Amino acid sequence: MKRPAATLLVAVAAMLLLGVKRPNGLSDVVEVRHWSYADYTRVVVETTKAVEVKTPIRHLGANDAAKRPERLYVDLGGLWVGRRFVDGIELGDGLLRGVRLGQNTVETTRLVLDLQHYARHRLFTLEHPHRVVIDVFGHTRPSFPETPESRLRTGQRPVRTVMLDPGHGGRDPGAIGIGGVTEKKVTLKIAKALGSELKERGFRVLYTREDDRRC
């Protein structure tokens, strides 16, 4: 298909899409959050239901003629965003210019990350609540050789790894509550929920136990 014809079909499809009502059964976007660190930026799209990552993340170079920056994009199936994020979300943190979400088809949303400095990325999904997480790595400032004077004292060093210890487990149920609920199950559930939240915020999380065993 010739490029002008393809462009016309896309334009027509987009106009038709604006008049389409939201189909039943799709997930909705709850919130888009982001955190900026020295060498990477994390973008989190929280949804009401699990969504399908339909394609690998694709990387496109800058198109100066079309005034489009270098960018990453991925299609998320079963997700409805409508025109809620039509203006995008500005970041400008040195790695990302901004984040855009648009209804690519009736049942697919396209997530676009406009880049400033880019080295690599990673994508993963989390549950409770459902989230799509993308980390974009790069360098926002030059690095300098470390000297004894520049090293942080132990109490000032940033925490990157957290160890969670859900007590009891295995033959040790801990306290037993109403209805037979055991402390070992409660502590494990809380630890996993906390671990999920910490991972979203960029921490490396370790557990003394991840199933029903005594640590």
N, C-alpha and C. Protein backbone atom coordinates (compact mmCIF):
# COMPACT_ATOMS: atom_id res chain seq x y z
N MET A 1 0.84 -1.18 0.00
CA MET A 1 0.00 0.00 0.00
C MET A 1 0.89 1.24 0.00
N LYS A 2 0.56 2.23 -0.82
CA LYS A 2 1.34 3.44 -0.87
C LYS A 2 1.15 4.24 0.42
N ARG A 3 2.19 5.01 0.76
CA ARG A 3 2.18 5.74 2.02
C ARG A 3 1.01 6.72 2.14
N PRO A 4 0.70 7.53 1.09
CA PRO A 4 -0.44 8.45 1.24
C PRO A 4 -1.75 7.72 1.51
N ALA A 5 -1.95 6.59 0.84
CA ALA A 5 -3.18 5.82 1.06
C ALA A 5 -3.24 5.28 2.48
N ALA A 6 -2.09 4.80 2.96
CA ALA A 6 -2.05 4.27 4.33
C ALA A 6 -2.33 5.37 5.34
N THR A 7 -1.75 6.53 5.10
CA THR A 7 -1.98 7.67 6.00
C THR A 7 -3.45 8.06 6.02
N LEU A 8 -4.08 8.04 4.85
CA LEU A 8 -5.50 8.39 4.76
C LEU A 8 -6.35 7.40 5.54
N LEU A 9 -6.03 6.10 5.41
CA LEU A 9 -6.81 5.09 6.12
C LEU A 9 -6.67 5.27 7.63
N VAL A 10 -5.46 5.59 8.08
CA VAL A 10 -5.25 5.81 9.51
C VAL A 10 -6.07 7.01 9.99
N ALA A 11 -6.08 8.08 9.19
CA ALA A 11 -6.83 9.28 9.56
C ALA A 11 -8.32 8.99 9.62
N VAL A 12 -8.82 8.24 8.64
CA VAL A 12 -10.25 7.89 8.62
C VAL A 12 -10.59 7.01 9.83
N ALA A 13 -9.72 6.04 10.10
CA ALA A 13 -9.97 5.17 11.24
C ALA A 13 -9.99 5.96 12.54
N ALA A 14 -9.08 6.92 12.66
CA ALA A 14 -9.04 7.74 13.87
C ALA A 14 -10.32 8.54 14.05
N MET A 15 -10.83 9.11 12.94
CA MET A 15 -12.07 9.89 13.03
C MET A 15 -13.24 9.01 13.40
N LEU A 16 -13.27 7.80 12.84
CA LEU A 16 -14.35 6.88 13.19
C LEU A 16 -14.26 6.48 14.65
N LEU A 17 -13.03 6.32 15.12
CA LEU A 17 -12.84 5.88 16.49
C LEU A 17 -13.39 6.88 17.49
N LEU A 18 -13.29 8.16 17.19
CA LEU A 18 -13.76 9.19 18.10
C LEU A 18 -15.26 9.08 18.36
N GLY A 19 -15.98 8.48 17.43
CA GLY A 19 -17.41 8.36 17.60
C GLY A 19 -17.84 7.02 18.18
N VAL A 20 -16.88 6.16 18.47
CA VAL A 20 -17.18 4.83 18.99
C VAL A 20 -17.30 4.88 20.51
N LYS A 21 -18.34 4.25 21.04
CA LYS A 21 -18.50 4.19 22.49
C LYS A 21 -17.56 3.14 23.07
N ARG A 22 -17.30 3.29 24.34
CA ARG A 22 -16.41 2.35 25.01
C ARG A 22 -17.02 0.95 25.03
N PRO A 23 -16.31 -0.06 24.48
CA PRO A 23 -16.83 -1.43 24.51
C PRO A 23 -16.89 -1.96 25.94
N ASN A 24 -17.77 -2.90 26.18
CA ASN A 24 -17.89 -3.52 27.50
C ASN A 24 -16.73 -4.47 27.76
N GLY A 25 -16.40 -4.64 29.01
CA GLY A 25 -15.42 -5.65 29.40
C GLY A 25 -13.98 -5.22 29.36
N LEU A 26 -13.69 -4.00 28.94
CA LEU A 26 -12.31 -3.55 28.86
C LEU A 26 -11.82 -3.01 30.20
N SER A 27 -10.51 -3.01 30.35
CA SER A 27 -9.90 -2.39 31.52
C SER A 27 -9.82 -0.89 31.31
N ASP A 28 -9.79 -0.14 32.40
CA ASP A 28 -9.64 1.31 32.34
C ASP A 28 -8.33 1.73 33.02
N VAL A 29 -7.83 2.87 32.66
CA VAL A 29 -6.64 3.42 33.30
C VAL A 29 -7.05 4.08 34.61
N VAL A 30 -6.46 3.65 35.70
CA VAL A 30 -6.73 4.26 37.01
C VAL A 30 -5.85 5.50 37.19
N GLU A 31 -4.56 5.35 36.90
CA GLU A 31 -3.62 6.44 37.14
C GLU A 31 -2.32 6.15 36.41
N VAL A 32 -1.62 7.20 36.02
CA VAL A 32 -0.27 7.09 35.45
C VAL A 32 0.68 7.79 36.41
N ARG A 33 1.69 7.05 36.90
CA ARG A 33 2.64 7.62 37.85
C ARG A 33 4.05 7.50 37.30
N HIS A 34 4.96 8.31 37.83
CA HIS A 34 6.36 8.21 37.39
C HIS A 34 7.28 8.64 38.51
N TRP A 35 8.48 8.05 38.51
CA TRP A 35 9.53 8.39 39.46
C TRP A 35 10.82 8.58 38.68
N SER A 36 11.58 9.60 39.03
CA SER A 36 12.84 9.91 38.35
C SER A 36 14.01 9.66 39.30
N TYR A 37 14.98 8.87 38.83
CA TYR A 37 16.18 8.58 39.59
C TYR A 37 17.40 9.04 38.78
N ALA A 38 18.59 8.85 39.33
CA ALA A 38 19.80 9.36 38.67
C ALA A 38 20.03 8.72 37.31
N ASP A 39 19.76 7.42 37.19
CA ASP A 39 20.08 6.74 35.94
C ASP A 39 18.89 6.05 35.27
N TYR A 40 17.70 6.21 35.84
CA TYR A 40 16.54 5.67 35.14
C TYR A 40 15.27 6.36 35.63
N THR A 41 14.25 6.29 34.78
CA THR A 41 12.92 6.82 35.10
C THR A 41 11.92 5.68 35.00
N ARG A 42 11.05 5.57 35.98
CA ARG A 42 10.02 4.53 35.99
C ARG A 42 8.66 5.15 35.70
N VAL A 43 7.93 4.53 34.76
CA VAL A 43 6.56 4.92 34.43
C VAL A 43 5.64 3.75 34.75
N VAL A 44 4.59 4.03 35.49
CA VAL A 44 3.65 2.98 35.91
C VAL A 44 2.25 3.37 35.45
N VAL A 45 1.61 2.45 34.73
CA VAL A 45 0.22 2.64 34.32
C VAL A 45 -0.63 1.64 35.11
N GLU A 46 -1.42 2.15 36.05
CA GLU A 46 -2.28 1.28 36.85
C GLU A 46 -3.62 1.13 36.15
N THR A 47 -4.12 -0.10 36.09
CA THR A 47 -5.37 -0.40 35.38
C THR A 47 -6.33 -1.15 36.29
N THR A 48 -7.60 -1.14 35.90
CA THR A 48 -8.61 -1.82 36.72
C THR A 48 -8.58 -3.33 36.56
N LYS A 49 -8.07 -3.81 35.42
CA LYS A 49 -7.96 -5.24 35.15
C LYS A 49 -6.60 -5.50 34.51
N ALA A 50 -6.24 -6.78 34.43
CA ALA A 50 -5.01 -7.15 33.72
C ALA A 50 -5.16 -6.82 32.24
N VAL A 51 -4.10 -6.32 31.63
CA VAL A 51 -4.11 -6.02 30.20
C VAL A 51 -3.06 -6.87 29.50
N GLU A 52 -3.19 -6.99 28.19
CA GLU A 52 -2.28 -7.79 27.39
C GLU A 52 -1.22 -6.89 26.74
N VAL A 53 0.04 -7.22 26.99
CA VAL A 53 1.12 -6.52 26.29
C VAL A 53 1.23 -7.17 24.92
N LYS A 54 0.65 -6.53 23.91
CA LYS A 54 0.45 -7.17 22.62
C LYS A 54 1.71 -7.19 21.76
N THR A 55 2.62 -6.28 21.99
CA THR A 55 3.83 -6.20 21.17
C THR A 55 5.03 -5.94 22.06
N PRO A 56 6.23 -6.33 21.63
CA PRO A 56 7.42 -5.87 22.34
C PRO A 56 7.51 -4.35 22.23
N ILE A 57 8.23 -3.73 23.15
CA ILE A 57 8.43 -2.28 23.05
C ILE A 57 9.24 -2.00 21.79
N ARG A 58 8.77 -1.05 21.01
CA ARG A 58 9.48 -0.67 19.78
C ARG A 58 10.15 0.68 19.98
N HIS A 59 11.34 0.80 19.42
CA HIS A 59 12.14 2.02 19.55
C HIS A 59 12.20 2.71 18.20
N LEU A 60 11.84 3.97 18.18
CA LEU A 60 11.88 4.77 16.94
C LEU A 60 12.81 5.95 17.13
N GLY A 61 13.63 6.21 16.13
CA GLY A 61 14.52 7.36 16.17
C GLY A 61 13.75 8.65 15.96
N ALA A 62 14.42 9.75 16.21
CA ALA A 62 13.79 11.06 16.03
C ALA A 62 13.50 11.31 14.56
N ASN A 63 12.39 11.99 14.30
CA ASN A 63 12.01 12.40 12.95
C ASN A 63 11.91 13.91 12.95
N ASP A 64 13.01 14.56 12.58
CA ASP A 64 13.05 16.02 12.64
C ASP A 64 12.04 16.66 11.69
N ALA A 65 11.85 16.03 10.51
CA ALA A 65 10.93 16.60 9.53
C ALA A 65 9.50 16.64 10.08
N ALA A 66 9.12 15.59 10.79
CA ALA A 66 7.78 15.50 11.36
C ALA A 66 7.71 16.08 12.78
N LYS A 67 8.86 16.58 13.28
CA LYS A 67 8.95 17.14 14.62
C LYS A 67 8.55 16.12 15.69
N ARG A 68 9.05 14.89 15.50
CA ARG A 68 8.79 13.84 16.47
C ARG A 68 10.09 13.42 17.13
N PRO A 69 10.13 13.38 18.45
CA PRO A 69 11.36 13.01 19.15
C PRO A 69 11.62 11.51 19.09
N GLU A 70 12.79 11.10 19.49
CA GLU A 70 13.07 9.68 19.70
C GLU A 70 12.06 9.15 20.71
N ARG A 71 11.57 7.94 20.50
CA ARG A 71 10.50 7.46 21.38
C ARG A 71 10.44 5.93 21.44
N LEU A 72 9.76 5.46 22.47
CA LEU A 72 9.41 4.05 22.64
C LEU A 72 7.90 3.95 22.62
N TYR A 73 7.38 2.83 22.09
CA TYR A 73 5.94 2.64 22.19
C TYR A 73 5.60 1.16 22.30
N VAL A 74 4.46 0.88 22.92
CA VAL A 74 3.98 -0.48 23.09
C VAL A 74 2.46 -0.45 23.07
N ASP A 75 1.84 -1.49 22.53
CA ASP A 75 0.38 -1.58 22.46
C ASP A 75 -0.13 -2.49 23.58
N LEU A 76 -1.13 -1.99 24.29
CA LEU A 76 -1.73 -2.71 25.42
C LEU A 76 -3.15 -3.11 25.07
N GLY A 77 -3.38 -4.41 24.95
CA GLY A 77 -4.69 -4.91 24.55
C GLY A 77 -5.67 -4.98 25.71
N GLY A 78 -6.96 -4.81 25.38
CA GLY A 78 -8.00 -4.87 26.40
C GLY A 78 -8.05 -3.66 27.30
N LEU A 79 -7.52 -2.53 26.81
CA LEU A 79 -7.45 -1.33 27.64
C LEU A 79 -8.10 -0.16 26.92
N TRP A 80 -8.97 0.56 27.63
CA TRP A 80 -9.66 1.72 27.08
C TRP A 80 -9.15 2.98 27.78
N VAL A 81 -8.71 3.95 27.00
CA VAL A 81 -8.25 5.21 27.56
C VAL A 81 -9.03 6.39 27.00
N GLY A 82 -9.66 6.18 25.83
CA GLY A 82 -10.44 7.25 25.22
C GLY A 82 -9.57 8.46 24.93
N ARG A 83 -10.02 9.64 25.36
CA ARG A 83 -9.26 10.87 25.14
C ARG A 83 -8.77 11.48 26.46
N ARG A 84 -8.71 10.65 27.49
CA ARG A 84 -8.36 11.14 28.82
C ARG A 84 -6.95 11.74 28.86
N PHE A 85 -6.00 11.12 28.16
CA PHE A 85 -4.61 11.58 28.20
C PHE A 85 -4.19 12.16 26.85
N VAL A 86 -5.13 12.79 26.17
CA VAL A 86 -4.87 13.30 24.82
C VAL A 86 -3.75 14.34 24.83
N ASP A 87 -3.58 15.09 25.91
CA ASP A 87 -2.53 16.10 25.98
C ASP A 87 -1.21 15.56 26.51
N GLY A 88 -1.18 14.31 26.93
CA GLY A 88 0.04 13.71 27.44
C GLY A 88 0.43 14.23 28.82
N ILE A 89 1.52 13.67 29.35
CA ILE A 89 2.04 14.04 30.66
C ILE A 89 3.49 14.48 30.47
N GLU A 90 3.81 15.70 30.79
CA GLU A 90 5.17 16.21 30.63
C GLU A 90 6.05 15.76 31.79
N LEU A 91 7.29 15.33 31.47
CA LEU A 91 8.26 14.98 32.50
C LEU A 91 9.47 15.89 32.43
N GLY A 92 10.24 15.80 31.31
CA GLY A 92 11.41 16.65 31.16
C GLY A 92 12.43 16.47 32.26
N ASP A 93 12.69 15.20 32.66
CA ASP A 93 13.61 14.93 33.76
C ASP A 93 15.01 14.60 33.29
N GLY A 94 15.28 14.78 32.00
CA GLY A 94 16.59 14.45 31.45
C GLY A 94 16.61 13.13 30.71
N LEU A 95 15.71 12.22 31.04
CA LEU A 95 15.58 10.95 30.34
C LEU A 95 14.34 10.91 29.47
N LEU A 96 13.21 11.34 30.03
CA LEU A 96 11.95 11.33 29.31
C LEU A 96 11.42 12.74 29.14
N ARG A 97 10.96 13.02 27.92
CA ARG A 97 10.26 14.29 27.68
C ARG A 97 8.84 14.21 28.22
N GLY A 98 8.20 13.07 27.99
CA GLY A 98 6.82 12.92 28.44
C GLY A 98 6.26 11.56 28.12
N VAL A 99 5.00 11.36 28.55
CA VAL A 99 4.29 10.10 28.37
C VAL A 99 2.97 10.39 27.69
N ARG A 100 2.61 9.57 26.70
CA ARG A 100 1.34 9.74 26.02
C ARG A 100 0.59 8.41 25.97
N LEU A 101 -0.72 8.47 26.11
CA LEU A 101 -1.59 7.31 25.97
C LEU A 101 -2.69 7.67 24.98
N GLY A 102 -2.91 6.80 24.00
CA GLY A 102 -3.95 7.07 23.01
C GLY A 102 -4.65 5.79 22.58
N GLN A 103 -5.93 5.94 22.21
CA GLN A 103 -6.71 4.80 21.77
C GLN A 103 -6.30 4.45 20.35
N ASN A 104 -5.50 3.38 20.19
CA ASN A 104 -4.98 3.00 18.88
C ASN A 104 -6.03 2.27 18.06
N THR A 105 -6.76 1.34 18.68
CA THR A 105 -7.93 0.70 18.09
C THR A 105 -9.01 0.69 19.15
N VAL A 106 -10.18 0.15 18.83
CA VAL A 106 -11.28 0.16 19.79
C VAL A 106 -10.89 -0.58 21.08
N GLU A 107 -10.05 -1.62 20.99
CA GLU A 107 -9.71 -2.41 22.16
C GLU A 107 -8.23 -2.36 22.50
N THR A 108 -7.49 -1.44 21.93
CA THR A 108 -6.05 -1.36 22.17
C THR A 108 -5.63 0.09 22.44
N THR A 109 -4.84 0.26 23.48
CA THR A 109 -4.27 1.57 23.80
C THR A 109 -2.77 1.55 23.52
N ARG A 110 -2.27 2.62 22.92
CA ARG A 110 -0.83 2.72 22.65
C ARG A 110 -0.19 3.62 23.70
N LEU A 111 0.84 3.11 24.34
CA LEU A 111 1.62 3.86 25.32
C LEU A 111 2.91 4.33 24.65
N VAL A 112 3.15 5.63 24.65
CA VAL A 112 4.32 6.21 23.99
C VAL A 112 5.14 6.98 25.02
N LEU A 113 6.45 6.73 25.02
CA LEU A 113 7.39 7.46 25.87
C LEU A 113 8.30 8.28 24.98
N ASP A 114 8.21 9.58 25.06
CA ASP A 114 9.08 10.48 24.29
C ASP A 114 10.40 10.64 25.05
N LEU A 115 11.51 10.39 24.37
CA LEU A 115 12.81 10.26 25.02
C LEU A 115 13.66 11.51 24.89
N GLN A 116 14.54 11.70 25.87
CA GLN A 116 15.58 12.73 25.81
C GLN A 116 16.96 12.07 25.73
N HIS A 117 17.27 11.18 26.68
CA HIS A 117 18.50 10.40 26.67
C HIS A 117 18.13 8.95 26.93
N TYR A 118 18.61 8.04 26.09
CA TYR A 118 18.13 6.66 26.15
C TYR A 118 19.28 5.69 25.96
N ALA A 119 19.33 4.66 26.83
CA ALA A 119 20.30 3.59 26.70
C ALA A 119 19.61 2.24 26.53
N ARG A 120 18.65 1.95 27.40
CA ARG A 120 17.92 0.68 27.32
C ARG A 120 16.64 0.80 28.13
N HIS A 121 15.84 -0.26 28.12
CA HIS A 121 14.58 -0.23 28.86
C HIS A 121 14.23 -1.64 29.33
N ARG A 122 13.24 -1.72 30.20
CA ARG A 122 12.66 -3.00 30.58
C ARG A 122 11.19 -2.78 30.87
N LEU A 123 10.39 -3.81 30.63
CA LEU A 123 8.94 -3.76 30.86
C LEU A 123 8.54 -4.99 31.64
N PHE A 124 7.67 -4.81 32.62
CA PHE A 124 7.08 -5.94 33.33
C PHE A 124 5.72 -5.53 33.87
N THR A 125 4.95 -6.51 34.29
CA THR A 125 3.62 -6.25 34.84
C THR A 125 3.56 -6.72 36.28
N LEU A 126 2.70 -6.07 37.06
CA LEU A 126 2.49 -6.43 38.46
C LEU A 126 1.00 -6.55 38.72
N GLU A 127 0.67 -7.22 39.82
CA GLU A 127 -0.73 -7.38 40.21
C GLU A 127 -0.96 -6.77 41.59
N HIS A 128 -2.24 -6.65 41.93
CA HIS A 128 -2.68 -6.19 43.26
C HIS A 128 -2.11 -4.82 43.61
N PRO A 129 -2.41 -3.77 42.92
CA PRO A 129 -3.29 -3.69 41.76
C PRO A 129 -2.55 -3.99 40.46
N HIS A 130 -3.32 -4.08 39.36
CA HIS A 130 -2.73 -4.37 38.06
C HIS A 130 -1.96 -3.15 37.55
N ARG A 131 -0.71 -3.39 37.12
CA ARG A 131 0.13 -2.29 36.65
C ARG A 131 1.03 -2.76 35.51
N VAL A 132 1.26 -1.87 34.56
CA VAL A 132 2.29 -2.04 33.55
C VAL A 132 3.42 -1.09 33.91
N VAL A 133 4.63 -1.63 34.03
CA VAL A 133 5.77 -0.84 34.50
C VAL A 133 6.84 -0.82 33.41
N ILE A 134 7.32 0.38 33.08
CA ILE A 134 8.41 0.53 32.12
C ILE A 134 9.51 1.37 32.78
N ASP A 135 10.72 0.82 32.78
CA ASP A 135 11.90 1.55 33.24
C ASP A 135 12.72 1.96 32.03
N VAL A 136 13.08 3.22 31.95
CA VAL A 136 13.93 3.74 30.87
C VAL A 136 15.25 4.16 31.49
N PHE A 137 16.36 3.55 31.02
CA PHE A 137 17.67 3.79 31.58
C PHE A 137 18.48 4.72 30.68
N GLY A 138 19.32 5.53 31.30
CA GLY A 138 20.18 6.43 30.57
C GLY A 138 21.02 7.21 31.56
N HIS A 139 21.64 8.28 31.09
CA HIS A 139 22.47 9.12 31.95
C HIS A 139 22.04 10.56 31.77
N THR A 140 21.62 11.17 32.86
CA THR A 140 21.15 12.55 32.79
C THR A 140 22.24 13.55 33.14
N ARG A 141 23.36 13.08 33.65
CA ARG A 141 24.45 13.99 33.98
C ARG A 141 25.76 13.23 33.89
N PRO A 142 26.90 13.91 33.63
CA PRO A 142 28.17 13.20 33.52
C PRO A 142 28.58 12.58 34.83
N SER A 143 29.26 11.45 34.75
CA SER A 143 29.73 10.80 35.96
C SER A 143 31.17 11.22 36.24
N PHE A 144 31.51 11.32 37.51
CA PHE A 144 32.84 11.74 37.91
C PHE A 144 33.48 10.62 38.72
N PRO A 145 34.80 10.50 38.67
CA PRO A 145 35.46 9.44 39.45
C PRO A 145 35.21 9.63 40.93
N GLU A 146 35.01 8.52 41.61
CA GLU A 146 34.73 8.57 43.04
C GLU A 146 36.01 8.84 43.82
N THR A 147 35.93 9.68 44.79
CA THR A 147 37.05 9.96 45.68
C THR A 147 36.61 9.69 47.10
N PRO A 148 37.57 9.50 48.03
CA PRO A 148 37.17 9.29 49.43
C PRO A 148 36.28 10.40 49.96
N GLU A 149 36.52 11.64 49.51
CA GLU A 149 35.72 12.76 49.99
C GLU A 149 34.29 12.72 49.46
N SER A 150 34.13 12.11 48.25
CA SER A 150 32.80 12.10 47.63
C SER A 150 31.93 10.94 48.08
N ARG A 151 32.54 9.96 48.77
CA ARG A 151 31.77 8.80 49.21
C ARG A 151 30.87 9.18 50.37
N LEU A 152 29.67 8.66 50.33
CA LEU A 152 28.73 8.93 51.42
C LEU A 152 29.03 8.02 52.60
N ARG A 153 28.85 8.56 53.78
CA ARG A 153 28.95 7.72 54.96
C ARG A 153 27.81 6.71 54.95
N THR A 154 27.97 5.62 55.70
CA THR A 154 27.00 4.53 55.66
C THR A 154 25.59 5.03 55.90
N GLY A 155 25.39 5.92 56.84
CA GLY A 155 24.06 6.40 57.17
C GLY A 155 23.44 7.26 56.09
N GLN A 156 24.26 7.74 55.13
CA GLN A 156 23.75 8.61 54.07
C GLN A 156 23.60 7.92 52.73
N ARG A 157 24.02 6.65 52.65
CA ARG A 157 23.95 5.95 51.38
C ARG A 157 22.51 5.61 51.04
N PRO A 158 22.09 5.77 49.79
CA PRO A 158 20.71 5.45 49.44
C PRO A 158 20.43 3.96 49.54
N VAL A 159 19.28 3.61 50.04
CA VAL A 159 18.88 2.21 50.17
C VAL A 159 18.34 1.72 48.84
N ARG A 160 18.90 0.64 48.31
CA ARG A 160 18.45 0.07 47.05
C ARG A 160 17.86 -1.33 47.21
N THR A 161 18.27 -2.04 48.26
CA THR A 161 17.80 -3.41 48.49
C THR A 161 17.12 -3.50 49.83
N VAL A 162 15.96 -4.16 49.86
CA VAL A 162 15.19 -4.32 51.10
C VAL A 162 14.92 -5.81 51.32
N MET A 163 15.20 -6.29 52.51
CA MET A 163 14.89 -7.68 52.88
C MET A 163 13.63 -7.69 53.74
N LEU A 164 12.63 -8.47 53.32
CA LEU A 164 11.38 -8.60 54.07
C LEU A 164 11.33 -9.98 54.73
N ASP A 165 10.92 -9.98 56.00
CA ASP A 165 10.92 -11.21 56.79
C ASP A 165 9.52 -11.50 57.30
N PRO A 166 8.69 -12.22 56.50
CA PRO A 166 7.37 -12.63 56.99
C PRO A 166 7.53 -13.79 57.97
N GLY A 167 7.30 -13.55 59.24
CA GLY A 167 7.60 -14.52 60.28
C GLY A 167 6.77 -15.80 60.21
N HIS A 168 7.23 -16.79 60.99
CA HIS A 168 6.57 -18.10 61.10
C HIS A 168 6.65 -18.85 59.77
N GLY A 169 5.71 -19.73 59.49
CA GLY A 169 5.76 -20.52 58.26
C GLY A 169 5.97 -21.99 58.54
N GLY A 170 5.55 -22.84 57.61
CA GLY A 170 5.70 -24.29 57.77
C GLY A 170 4.90 -24.80 58.95
N ARG A 171 5.59 -25.53 59.85
CA ARG A 171 4.91 -26.09 61.02
C ARG A 171 4.63 -25.05 62.09
N ASP A 172 5.14 -23.84 61.92
CA ASP A 172 4.94 -22.77 62.90
C ASP A 172 3.87 -21.81 62.39
N PRO A 173 2.61 -21.97 62.83
CA PRO A 173 1.54 -21.12 62.30
C PRO A 173 1.50 -19.73 62.90
N GLY A 174 2.22 -19.54 64.03
CA GLY A 174 2.09 -18.28 64.75
C GLY A 174 0.75 -18.23 65.47
N ALA A 175 0.27 -17.04 65.72
CA ALA A 175 -1.02 -16.90 66.39
C ALA A 175 -2.14 -17.37 65.47
N ILE A 176 -3.20 -17.91 66.06
CA ILE A 176 -4.36 -18.39 65.29
C ILE A 176 -5.56 -17.53 65.68
N GLY A 177 -6.17 -16.93 64.69
CA GLY A 177 -7.26 -16.00 64.95
C GLY A 177 -8.62 -16.58 64.70
N ILE A 178 -9.62 -15.71 64.63
CA ILE A 178 -11.01 -16.12 64.41
C ILE A 178 -11.12 -16.83 63.07
N GLY A 179 -11.82 -17.95 63.07
CA GLY A 179 -12.02 -18.70 61.83
C GLY A 179 -10.82 -19.53 61.43
N GLY A 180 -9.81 -19.59 62.30
CA GLY A 180 -8.64 -20.42 62.01
C GLY A 180 -7.57 -19.75 61.18
N VAL A 181 -7.71 -18.45 60.93
CA VAL A 181 -6.68 -17.76 60.16
C VAL A 181 -5.38 -17.74 60.95
N THR A 182 -4.28 -18.05 60.27
CA THR A 182 -3.00 -18.16 60.95
C THR A 182 -2.12 -16.94 60.67
N GLU A 183 -1.29 -16.62 61.65
CA GLU A 183 -0.39 -15.48 61.53
C GLU A 183 0.57 -15.66 60.38
N LYS A 184 1.02 -16.89 60.11
CA LYS A 184 1.99 -17.12 59.04
C LYS A 184 1.43 -16.72 57.68
N LYS A 185 0.13 -16.94 57.46
CA LYS A 185 -0.48 -16.55 56.19
C LYS A 185 -0.63 -15.04 56.08
N VAL A 186 -0.99 -14.42 57.19
CA VAL A 186 -1.17 -12.96 57.19
C VAL A 186 0.16 -12.26 56.94
N THR A 187 1.22 -12.69 57.62
CA THR A 187 2.52 -12.03 57.44
C THR A 187 3.04 -12.20 56.02
N LEU A 188 2.82 -13.37 55.41
CA LEU A 188 3.29 -13.60 54.05
C LEU A 188 2.53 -12.73 53.06
N LYS A 189 1.22 -12.62 53.26
CA LYS A 189 0.41 -11.79 52.36
C LYS A 189 0.82 -10.32 52.46
N ILE A 190 1.05 -9.85 53.67
CA ILE A 190 1.47 -8.45 53.86
C ILE A 190 2.84 -8.22 53.24
N ALA A 191 3.77 -9.16 53.42
CA ALA A 191 5.12 -9.01 52.88
C ALA A 191 5.11 -8.94 51.36
N LYS A 192 4.29 -9.76 50.72
CA LYS A 192 4.23 -9.75 49.26
C LYS A 192 3.61 -8.45 48.75
N ALA A 193 2.60 -7.96 49.44
CA ALA A 193 1.98 -6.70 49.04
C ALA A 193 2.97 -5.55 49.19
N LEU A 194 3.69 -5.54 50.31
CA LEU A 194 4.69 -4.50 50.52
C LEU A 194 5.82 -4.62 49.51
N GLY A 195 6.25 -5.86 49.23
CA GLY A 195 7.31 -6.08 48.25
C GLY A 195 6.94 -5.58 46.88
N SER A 196 5.70 -5.79 46.48
CA SER A 196 5.22 -5.30 45.18
C SER A 196 5.29 -3.79 45.10
N GLU A 197 4.90 -3.12 46.19
CA GLU A 197 4.94 -1.65 46.23
C GLU A 197 6.38 -1.15 46.18
N LEU A 198 7.28 -1.81 46.90
CA LEU A 198 8.68 -1.40 46.91
C LEU A 198 9.33 -1.59 45.54
N LYS A 199 9.01 -2.70 44.86
CA LYS A 199 9.55 -2.93 43.52
C LYS A 199 9.09 -1.83 42.57
N GLU A 200 7.83 -1.42 42.70
CA GLU A 200 7.32 -0.35 41.84
C GLU A 200 8.09 0.94 42.06
N ARG A 201 8.59 1.14 43.27
CA ARG A 201 9.33 2.37 43.59
C ARG A 201 10.83 2.25 43.31
N GLY A 202 11.22 1.11 42.69
CA GLY A 202 12.60 0.99 42.25
C GLY A 202 13.53 0.21 43.15
N PHE A 203 13.02 -0.39 44.22
CA PHE A 203 13.87 -1.15 45.13
C PHE A 203 14.04 -2.60 44.66
N ARG A 204 15.16 -3.19 45.02
CA ARG A 204 15.37 -4.63 44.87
C ARG A 204 14.86 -5.28 46.15
N VAL A 205 13.95 -6.25 46.02
CA VAL A 205 13.30 -6.83 47.19
C VAL A 205 13.69 -8.30 47.33
N LEU A 206 14.11 -8.67 48.54
CA LEU A 206 14.41 -10.06 48.88
C LEU A 206 13.50 -10.49 50.02
N TYR A 207 13.22 -11.79 50.10
CA TYR A 207 12.35 -12.33 51.14
C TYR A 207 13.09 -13.45 51.88
N THR A 208 12.83 -13.57 53.19
CA THR A 208 13.34 -14.73 53.91
C THR A 208 12.54 -15.98 53.56
N ARG A 209 11.30 -15.78 53.17
CA ARG A 209 10.50 -16.89 52.64
C ARG A 209 9.44 -16.32 51.70
N GLU A 210 9.10 -17.09 50.67
CA GLU A 210 8.08 -16.67 49.69
C GLU A 210 6.94 -17.67 49.60
N ASP A 211 6.97 -18.72 50.43
CA ASP A 211 5.89 -19.69 50.44
C ASP A 211 5.75 -20.22 51.86
N ASP A 212 4.96 -21.27 52.04
CA ASP A 212 4.64 -21.76 53.38
C ASP A 212 5.75 -22.68 53.89
N ARG A 213 6.85 -22.06 54.27
CA ARG A 213 7.94 -22.80 54.87
C ARG A 213 8.55 -21.97 55.99
N ARG A 214 9.21 -22.64 56.90
CA ARG A 214 9.87 -21.94 58.01
C ARG A 214 11.20 -21.38 57.52
N CYS A 215 11.41 -20.07 57.74
CA CYS A 215 12.66 -19.47 57.28
C CYS A 215 13.81 -19.77 58.23
